[in-house]
Amino acid sequence: MIEIRPEPKRPPRTSGLRTLLALAVATITLGSAGTALAVQSGFFADKPEGCVAPDRSLQMYAVELPKDPSTNQIRLGYGLTPQTASYPGPTMEMIEGECLEITLHNQVPEATLAQLRTDPNHPLGVSLHVHGVKYTQTSDGTVHSGSYVASGQSRKYTWYAKPRNSKTGSPGTAGYWWYHDHVVGGAHGTQGLSSGLFGGLVVRRQGDPRPDRTYVSVFGDRQSINLRRGAEADTCDAVNPQPGPTCLVAKVGERVEFIVVGIGNDMHTFHLHGHAWADTRTGLVAGDNKALIDSIPVIDNKTLGPGDSFGFQIVAGDAVGPGHWMLHCHMQFHSDLGMATTLHILDESGQMPPHTAHGPAQVNGPAAGSGATSAPPAGGSTAAGAPAHAGHQPAGS
């Protein structure tokens, strides 16, 4: 005889489980609208796991800047104050284990954002989207998550520099990254990027050497460095050079850090004359392990694709002394069209060495031309917990 056993009773689903499933179905069904609804309903945490409370907080402003003098294109920038907004925006600095809260204030006029919009149904706003560190959906900085800021409004974003964990194999977040808008113009923020809403981020590990100066070099379309090319990419004054996005300057012996980012659609290579660095996380080699040291390549040219970022530190003028050292893309037609600038290394007394009056990157005298006046306020301010670097302004907390 075949015994027929009754089907075992299944435990009833809890109301919490039913709610979870219903919300998941709604999210899948409604797509971006469903995700935004979930964010607004409090479904997602406002802080990443590991961030109990922010260790620091700061204010960030998105503003409209004067149009590009050579193309008449709209220019936007981030700043720690509206008056210091620039492109690139302020260099952000974190230490692994730190949680940072940023309040973004959108001061870009709605009419300007409407001019940049490629879809009449796309919402008007700006955002902060960051690479490398941890954040939840509420800090993603996208339209589909609803985490953007309308004109005249403000919003908080939380970034967590998760530390390395040798037990779990988690690599941590130390490295050279960047942040940018992901909303202006369309769902991917293409018009925000091409207008200037981007900046560099460095996450340090405890014990990492600190630089004296940090510069952000963003390689993009139109053969541009920081959205500039030719004379506009280098506006250093020959008598009183002021460090900033268009004036890369340091004294012999100073430790100089570069954050290099690729945006747009083109491939580039980053090449710096007179200096080389180890192809490691920091550009440096620590310790005396010969096998490890011998396995690390030393380079002075690195390929850079859209969205890529890397960084390194050098000692200015190490073994080569003061001078005017070219920094450019090594795709020849890119450099020929003006994708070049100069790292000016002063002597020990801070004097600019002699220079020629021609070349791919010309040093401007006191009566500099349009290139000197076209640059917005220097974006050398840093949002770091440590003392500001030379040429930087300390961030509020």
Protein backbone atom coordinates (compact mmCIF):
# COMPACT_ATOMS: atom_id res chain seq x y z
CA MET A 1 0.00 0.00 0.00
CA ILE A 2 1.23 3.46 -0.85
CA GLU A 3 1.04 5.77 2.07
CA ILE A 4 -0.06 9.29 1.21
CA ARG A 5 1.25 11.78 3.71
CA PRO A 6 -0.35 15.16 4.10
CA GLU A 7 1.71 18.10 2.85
CA PRO A 8 3.47 19.75 5.80
CA LYS A 9 2.07 23.08 6.85
CA ARG A 10 4.23 26.07 6.03
CA PRO A 11 4.69 28.69 8.70
CA PRO A 12 2.78 31.86 7.91
CA ARG A 13 4.77 34.79 6.54
CA THR A 14 5.17 37.67 8.91
CA SER A 15 3.77 41.06 8.06
CA GLY A 16 7.32 42.39 7.89
CA LEU A 17 8.23 39.84 5.24
CA ARG A 18 5.09 40.65 3.23
CA THR A 19 6.01 44.33 3.36
CA LEU A 20 9.55 43.59 2.24
CA LEU A 21 8.38 41.48 -0.70
CA ALA A 22 5.80 44.02 -1.73
CA LEU A 23 8.35 46.82 -1.71
CA ALA A 24 10.82 44.72 -3.68
CA VAL A 25 8.18 43.97 -6.32
CA ALA A 26 7.27 47.65 -6.47
CA THR A 27 10.90 48.59 -6.93
CA ILE A 28 11.40 46.08 -9.76
CA THR A 29 8.12 47.05 -11.40
CA LEU A 30 8.49 50.80 -11.19
CA GLY A 31 12.21 50.95 -11.95
CA SER A 32 13.81 54.25 -11.01
CA ALA A 33 10.56 55.60 -9.60
CA GLY A 34 10.33 52.58 -7.33
CA THR A 35 13.90 53.07 -6.12
CA ALA A 36 13.28 56.73 -5.40
CA LEU A 37 10.12 55.76 -3.50
CA ALA A 38 12.08 53.25 -1.44
CA VAL A 39 14.70 55.89 -0.62
CA GLN A 40 12.10 58.44 0.38
CA SER A 41 10.19 55.91 2.48
CA GLY A 42 13.25 55.18 4.63
CA PHE A 43 13.75 51.66 3.27
CA PHE A 44 17.49 52.26 2.81
CA ALA A 45 19.86 53.23 5.62
CA ASP A 46 21.17 56.78 5.54
CA LYS A 47 24.70 55.70 6.56
CA PRO A 48 26.87 52.77 5.40
CA GLU A 49 27.54 49.91 7.79
CA GLY A 50 30.50 50.87 9.95
CA CYS A 51 29.60 54.54 10.07
CA VAL A 52 27.89 55.00 13.44
CA ALA A 53 27.95 58.80 13.23
CA PRO A 54 29.82 61.29 11.05
CA ASP A 55 33.31 62.14 12.27
CA ARG A 56 33.31 65.40 10.32
CA SER A 57 30.85 67.54 8.45
CA LEU A 58 31.28 70.27 5.88
CA GLN A 59 29.29 72.47 3.54
CA MET A 60 29.59 72.22 -0.25
CA TYR A 61 28.10 74.64 -2.78
CA ALA A 62 27.28 74.12 -6.45
CA VAL A 63 27.28 77.46 -8.28
CA GLU A 64 27.33 78.91 -11.77
CA LEU A 65 30.68 80.40 -12.85
CA PRO A 66 31.55 82.74 -15.74
CA LYS A 67 31.24 81.07 -19.13
CA ASP A 68 34.30 79.65 -20.83
CA PRO A 69 35.82 82.62 -22.67
CA SER A 70 36.95 80.59 -25.66
CA THR A 71 33.84 78.46 -26.22
CA ASN A 72 31.11 80.42 -24.39
CA GLN A 73 30.11 77.16 -22.71
CA ILE A 74 28.32 77.19 -19.37
CA ARG A 75 30.64 76.56 -16.45
CA LEU A 76 29.61 75.22 -13.04
CA GLY A 77 31.73 74.46 -10.00
CA TYR A 78 31.77 73.05 -6.48
CA GLY A 79 33.19 75.04 -3.58
CA LEU A 80 33.47 74.98 0.20
CA THR A 81 32.00 78.47 -0.07
CA PRO A 82 30.12 79.99 -3.02
CA GLN A 83 32.99 82.45 -3.53
CA THR A 84 35.67 79.73 -3.85
CA ALA A 85 33.78 77.43 -6.24
CA SER A 86 35.97 76.22 -9.09
CA TYR A 87 36.61 73.42 -11.53
CA PRO A 88 37.97 71.07 -10.35
CA GLY A 89 36.17 71.50 -7.05
CA PRO A 90 37.89 71.33 -3.65
CA THR A 91 40.17 68.37 -3.12
CA MET A 92 38.55 66.09 -0.54
CA GLU A 93 40.71 64.09 1.85
CA MET A 94 39.74 61.25 4.18
CA ILE A 95 41.47 58.69 6.38
CA GLU A 96 40.37 55.05 6.32
CA GLY A 97 37.82 54.51 9.06
CA GLU A 98 36.47 58.05 8.78
CA CYS A 99 32.85 58.95 8.07
CA LEU A 100 32.21 62.30 6.36
CA GLU A 101 28.91 64.14 6.07
CA ILE A 102 28.62 66.71 3.26
CA THR A 103 25.72 69.11 2.91
CA LEU A 104 25.37 70.14 -0.73
CA HIS A 105 23.68 73.47 -1.42
CA ASN A 106 22.46 73.94 -4.98
CA GLN A 107 22.85 77.59 -5.96
CA VAL A 108 22.78 76.96 -9.72
CA PRO A 109 19.79 78.80 -11.20
CA GLU A 110 17.00 76.56 -12.48
CA ALA A 111 17.11 78.39 -15.82
CA THR A 112 20.78 77.42 -16.27
CA LEU A 113 20.06 73.77 -15.50
CA ALA A 114 17.18 73.88 -18.00
CA GLN A 115 19.60 75.05 -20.72
CA LEU A 116 21.79 72.01 -20.07
CA ARG A 117 18.91 69.53 -20.01
CA THR A 118 18.78 67.09 -22.93
CA ASP A 119 15.32 65.70 -22.06
CA PRO A 120 12.46 68.11 -21.22
CA ASN A 121 11.07 65.56 -18.75
CA HIS A 122 14.35 65.17 -16.84
CA PRO A 123 14.31 66.75 -13.36
CA LEU A 124 16.41 69.83 -12.70
CA GLY A 125 19.04 69.54 -10.00
CA VAL A 126 22.63 68.74 -9.11
CA SER A 127 24.18 65.96 -7.05
CA LEU A 128 27.32 64.45 -5.54
CA HIS A 129 28.33 61.00 -6.73
CA VAL A 130 31.60 59.62 -5.40
CA HIS A 131 33.96 56.84 -6.46
CA GLY A 132 35.88 54.49 -4.20
CA VAL A 133 34.32 55.02 -0.78
CA LYS A 134 31.13 53.53 0.69
CA TYR A 135 27.69 55.14 0.62
CA THR A 136 24.06 54.02 0.63
CA GLN A 137 21.34 54.65 -1.94
CA THR A 138 20.44 57.87 -0.14
CA SER A 139 23.90 59.24 -1.00
CA ASP A 140 24.23 57.79 -4.51
CA GLY A 141 23.63 61.16 -6.14
CA THR A 142 21.40 59.88 -8.94
CA VAL A 143 17.92 60.57 -10.26
CA HIS A 144 16.78 56.96 -9.97
CA SER A 145 17.50 57.01 -6.23
CA GLY A 146 16.03 60.47 -5.77
CA SER A 147 19.27 61.62 -4.13
CA TYR A 148 19.77 64.91 -5.94
CA VAL A 149 19.26 68.56 -4.99
CA ALA A 150 16.85 70.97 -6.69
CA SER A 151 17.79 74.62 -7.20
CA GLY A 152 17.74 76.52 -3.93
CA GLN A 153 17.63 73.32 -1.88
CA SER A 154 20.17 71.36 0.21
CA ARG A 155 20.86 67.70 0.88
CA LYS A 156 23.22 65.66 3.05
CA TYR A 157 25.50 62.98 1.63
CA THR A 158 27.46 60.52 3.77
CA TRP A 159 30.73 58.94 2.66
CA TYR A 160 32.51 56.19 4.60
CA ALA A 161 36.18 55.35 4.01
CA LYS A 162 35.95 51.71 4.99
CA PRO A 163 39.27 50.42 6.36
CA ARG A 164 41.16 47.39 5.13
CA ASN A 165 40.39 44.11 6.93
CA SER A 166 43.10 41.44 6.65
CA LYS A 167 40.85 38.78 8.18
CA THR A 168 38.04 39.10 5.63
CA GLY A 169 40.20 40.17 2.71
CA SER A 170 38.37 43.50 2.34
CA PRO A 171 40.77 45.77 0.44
CA GLY A 172 39.63 48.97 2.15
CA THR A 173 39.14 52.25 0.33
CA ALA A 174 42.57 53.91 0.43
CA GLY A 175 43.42 55.33 -2.96
CA TYR A 176 42.93 58.19 -5.38
CA TRP A 177 39.32 58.75 -6.40
CA TRP A 178 36.99 61.48 -7.58
CA TYR A 179 33.49 62.86 -7.19
CA HIS A 180 31.13 64.44 -9.69
CA ASP A 181 27.59 65.35 -10.58
CA HIS A 182 25.37 62.54 -11.91
CA VAL A 183 22.20 64.49 -12.71
CA VAL A 184 22.75 67.67 -14.75
CA GLY A 185 21.53 67.29 -18.32
CA GLY A 186 20.45 63.67 -18.07
CA ALA A 187 20.53 60.51 -15.97
CA HIS A 188 24.33 60.22 -16.17
CA GLY A 189 25.24 63.84 -15.48
CA THR A 190 27.10 64.20 -18.76
CA GLN A 191 26.40 67.93 -18.98
CA GLY A 192 27.35 68.40 -15.34
CA LEU A 193 30.75 66.81 -15.95
CA SER A 194 31.41 68.77 -19.13
CA SER A 195 30.43 71.98 -17.32
CA GLY A 196 32.86 71.53 -14.42
CA LEU A 197 31.09 69.65 -11.61
CA PHE A 198 33.92 67.32 -10.59
CA GLY A 199 36.78 67.13 -8.10
CA GLY A 200 39.41 64.86 -6.60
CA LEU A 201 39.30 62.65 -3.50
CA VAL A 202 42.20 60.98 -1.73
CA VAL A 203 41.69 58.36 0.97
CA ARG A 204 44.78 57.76 3.05
CA ARG A 205 45.74 54.83 5.20
CA GLN A 206 47.08 55.55 8.68
CA GLY A 207 50.79 56.25 8.35
CA ASP A 208 50.72 57.36 4.70
CA PRO A 209 53.16 60.22 4.02
CA ARG A 210 51.51 63.63 3.69
CA PRO A 211 52.32 65.88 0.74
CA ASP A 212 53.12 69.58 0.83
CA ARG A 213 50.93 70.25 -2.19
CA THR A 214 48.17 68.36 -4.00
CA TYR A 215 47.08 69.02 -7.58
CA VAL A 216 44.15 67.53 -9.47
CA SER A 217 44.61 66.96 -13.21
CA VAL A 218 41.42 65.96 -15.02
CA PHE A 219 42.01 64.84 -18.60
CA GLY A 220 38.93 65.19 -20.81
CA ASP A 221 37.45 65.79 -24.23
CA ARG A 222 38.52 68.63 -26.53
CA GLN A 223 42.10 67.74 -25.55
CA SER A 224 41.60 69.50 -22.24
CA ILE A 225 43.19 69.47 -18.79
CA ASN A 226 40.68 70.66 -16.19
CA LEU A 227 38.49 71.79 -19.14
CA ARG A 228 41.28 74.06 -20.41
CA ARG A 229 43.98 73.75 -23.02
CA GLY A 230 46.91 75.68 -24.41
CA ALA A 231 47.70 78.95 -22.63
CA GLU A 232 44.56 78.68 -20.49
CA ALA A 233 45.90 75.49 -18.88
CA ASP A 234 48.93 77.31 -17.44
CA THR A 235 48.43 80.83 -16.07
CA CYS A 236 51.31 80.89 -13.57
CA ASP A 237 52.59 84.38 -12.91
CA ALA A 238 56.35 84.60 -13.43
CA VAL A 239 56.82 86.82 -10.39
CA ASN A 240 54.20 85.60 -7.93
CA PRO A 241 52.87 82.18 -8.96
CA GLN A 242 49.78 81.15 -6.99
CA PRO A 243 49.08 77.40 -6.82
CA GLY A 244 45.75 76.30 -8.28
CA PRO A 245 44.14 74.35 -11.12
CA THR A 246 45.95 76.43 -13.75
CA CYS A 247 49.23 76.97 -11.90
CA LEU A 248 51.17 73.88 -10.86
CA VAL A 249 54.06 75.12 -8.78
CA ALA A 250 56.34 73.79 -6.02
CA LYS A 251 59.75 74.42 -4.53
CA VAL A 252 62.63 72.00 -4.89
CA GLY A 253 62.38 69.30 -2.23
CA GLU A 254 58.65 69.67 -1.58
CA ARG A 255 56.51 66.55 -1.71
CA VAL A 256 53.96 67.00 -4.51
CA GLU A 257 50.89 64.82 -4.95
CA PHE A 258 48.86 64.40 -8.14
CA ILE A 259 45.31 63.10 -8.41
CA VAL A 260 44.73 62.18 -12.05
CA VAL A 261 41.22 61.59 -13.42
CA GLY A 262 39.80 60.76 -16.84
CA ILE A 263 36.41 62.11 -17.98
CA GLY A 264 34.55 62.28 -21.27
CA ASN A 265 34.92 59.82 -24.11
CA ASP A 266 38.60 59.75 -25.08
CA MET A 267 41.58 57.71 -23.97
CA HIS A 268 44.64 59.62 -22.79
CA THR A 269 48.08 59.07 -21.31
CA PHE A 270 49.47 61.11 -18.44
CA HIS A 271 53.16 61.96 -18.78
CA LEU A 272 55.30 64.11 -16.49
CA HIS A 273 58.76 65.22 -17.53
CA GLY A 274 61.76 64.88 -15.25
CA HIS A 275 60.01 62.74 -12.63
CA ALA A 276 58.91 59.13 -12.22
CA TRP A 277 56.93 57.21 -9.63
CA ALA A 278 56.29 53.64 -8.54
CA ASP A 279 53.14 52.08 -9.98
CA THR A 280 51.66 51.50 -6.53
CA ARG A 281 48.76 52.91 -4.54
CA THR A 282 50.75 55.96 -3.45
CA GLY A 283 53.46 56.15 -6.08
CA LEU A 284 55.99 55.22 -3.39
CA VAL A 285 57.76 52.02 -2.34
CA ALA A 286 57.98 51.24 1.37
CA GLY A 287 60.27 48.78 3.12
CA ASP A 288 63.38 46.88 2.08
CA ASN A 289 61.89 43.65 0.73
CA LYS A 290 64.03 43.23 -2.39
CA ALA A 291 61.69 40.76 -4.08
CA LEU A 292 58.75 43.13 -3.61
CA ILE A 293 60.68 46.21 -4.66
CA ASP A 294 62.00 44.52 -7.79
CA SER A 295 58.47 43.51 -8.80
CA ILE A 296 57.10 47.08 -8.80
CA PRO A 297 57.49 48.98 -12.07
CA VAL A 298 58.66 52.58 -12.02
CA ILE A 299 56.83 54.69 -14.60
CA ASP A 300 56.52 58.26 -15.89
CA ASN A 301 53.62 57.66 -18.28
CA LYS A 302 50.27 56.01 -17.53
CA THR A 303 47.21 55.25 -19.65
CA LEU A 304 43.97 56.87 -18.52
CA GLY A 305 40.45 56.00 -19.64
CA PRO A 306 37.12 57.71 -18.90
CA GLY A 307 36.24 57.22 -15.23
CA ASP A 308 39.74 56.05 -14.31
CA SER A 309 41.69 57.67 -11.51
CA PHE A 310 45.09 57.20 -9.98
CA GLY A 311 47.56 59.24 -7.99
CA PHE A 312 51.12 59.40 -6.79
CA GLN A 313 53.62 61.50 -4.88
CA ILE A 314 56.99 62.79 -6.04
CA VAL A 315 59.71 64.97 -4.56
CA ALA A 316 59.85 68.10 -6.69
CA GLY A 317 63.10 68.41 -8.58
CA ASP A 318 64.52 65.17 -7.18
CA ALA A 319 67.95 64.86 -8.83
CA VAL A 320 66.83 67.19 -11.66
CA GLY A 321 66.58 70.51 -9.84
CA PRO A 322 64.32 73.48 -10.54
CA GLY A 323 62.82 74.00 -13.96
CA HIS A 324 59.69 73.99 -16.08
CA TRP A 325 58.63 70.37 -16.50
CA MET A 326 56.00 69.54 -19.08
CA LEU A 327 52.88 67.58 -18.09
CA HIS A 328 50.84 66.39 -21.05
CA CYS A 329 48.93 63.67 -22.84
CA HIS A 330 51.28 61.56 -24.94
CA MET A 331 48.72 60.89 -27.65
CA GLN A 332 50.54 63.16 -30.05
CA PHE A 333 47.60 64.93 -31.67
CA HIS A 334 46.14 65.60 -28.23
CA SER A 335 49.29 67.35 -27.03
CA ASP A 336 49.66 69.14 -30.37
CA LEU A 337 46.16 70.59 -29.91
CA GLY A 338 47.01 71.99 -26.48
CA MET A 339 46.60 69.15 -23.99
CA ALA A 340 49.68 70.22 -22.07
CA THR A 341 50.66 72.28 -19.07
CA THR A 342 53.76 72.70 -16.91
CA LEU A 343 54.92 71.83 -13.40
CA HIS A 344 57.01 74.84 -12.39
CA ILE A 345 59.66 73.92 -9.81
CA LEU A 346 61.14 76.92 -8.06
CA ASP A 347 64.60 77.04 -6.54
CA GLU A 348 65.23 76.80 -2.79
CA SER A 349 64.56 80.52 -2.32
CA GLY A 350 61.21 80.28 -4.12
CA GLN A 351 62.36 82.01 -7.31
CA MET A 352 61.00 81.04 -10.71
CA PRO A 353 63.83 79.76 -12.91
CA PRO A 354 64.44 81.37 -16.33
CA HIS A 355 62.06 80.29 -19.07
CA THR A 356 61.56 80.68 -22.77
CA ALA A 357 58.68 82.74 -24.13
CA HIS A 358 57.36 79.97 -26.31
CA GLY A 359 56.40 76.33 -26.08
CA PRO A 360 53.33 74.23 -25.29
CA ALA A 361 52.82 75.85 -21.89
CA GLN A 362 53.89 79.46 -21.55
CA VAL A 363 54.53 81.12 -18.19
CA ASN A 364 52.58 84.36 -18.06
CA GLY A 365 54.13 87.56 -16.76
CA PRO A 366 52.37 90.12 -14.55
CA ALA A 367 50.30 91.37 -17.51
CA ALA A 368 48.97 87.95 -18.45
CA GLY A 369 46.48 87.67 -21.26
CA SER A 370 43.03 86.15 -21.41
CA GLY A 371 44.30 82.83 -20.12
CA ALA A 372 45.05 84.37 -16.74
CA THR A 373 41.70 86.05 -16.35
CA SER A 374 39.62 83.12 -17.59
CA ALA A 375 40.38 80.82 -14.69
CA PRO A 376 37.90 80.82 -11.80
CA PRO A 377 39.16 81.11 -8.21
CA ALA A 378 41.82 78.51 -7.46
CA GLY A 379 40.36 75.21 -6.41
CA GLY A 380 43.20 74.20 -4.18
CA SER A 381 41.15 74.12 -1.00
CA THR A 382 41.12 70.79 0.77
CA ALA A 383 38.50 69.10 2.88
CA ALA A 384 40.87 67.26 5.17
CA GLY A 385 41.03 66.59 8.85
CA ALA A 386 44.77 67.32 8.78
CA PRO A 387 46.28 70.81 8.40
CA ALA A 388 45.79 72.27 4.94
CA HIS A 389 48.52 71.80 2.35
CA ALA A 390 50.35 74.73 0.89
CA GLY A 391 47.98 76.77 -1.20
CA HIS A 392 44.95 75.14 0.42
CA GLN A 393 42.22 76.45 2.65
CA PRO A 394 41.12 74.37 5.64
CA ALA A 395 37.61 72.94 5.52
CA GLY A 396 34.99 73.66 8.10
CA SER A 397 33.91 70.97 10.49
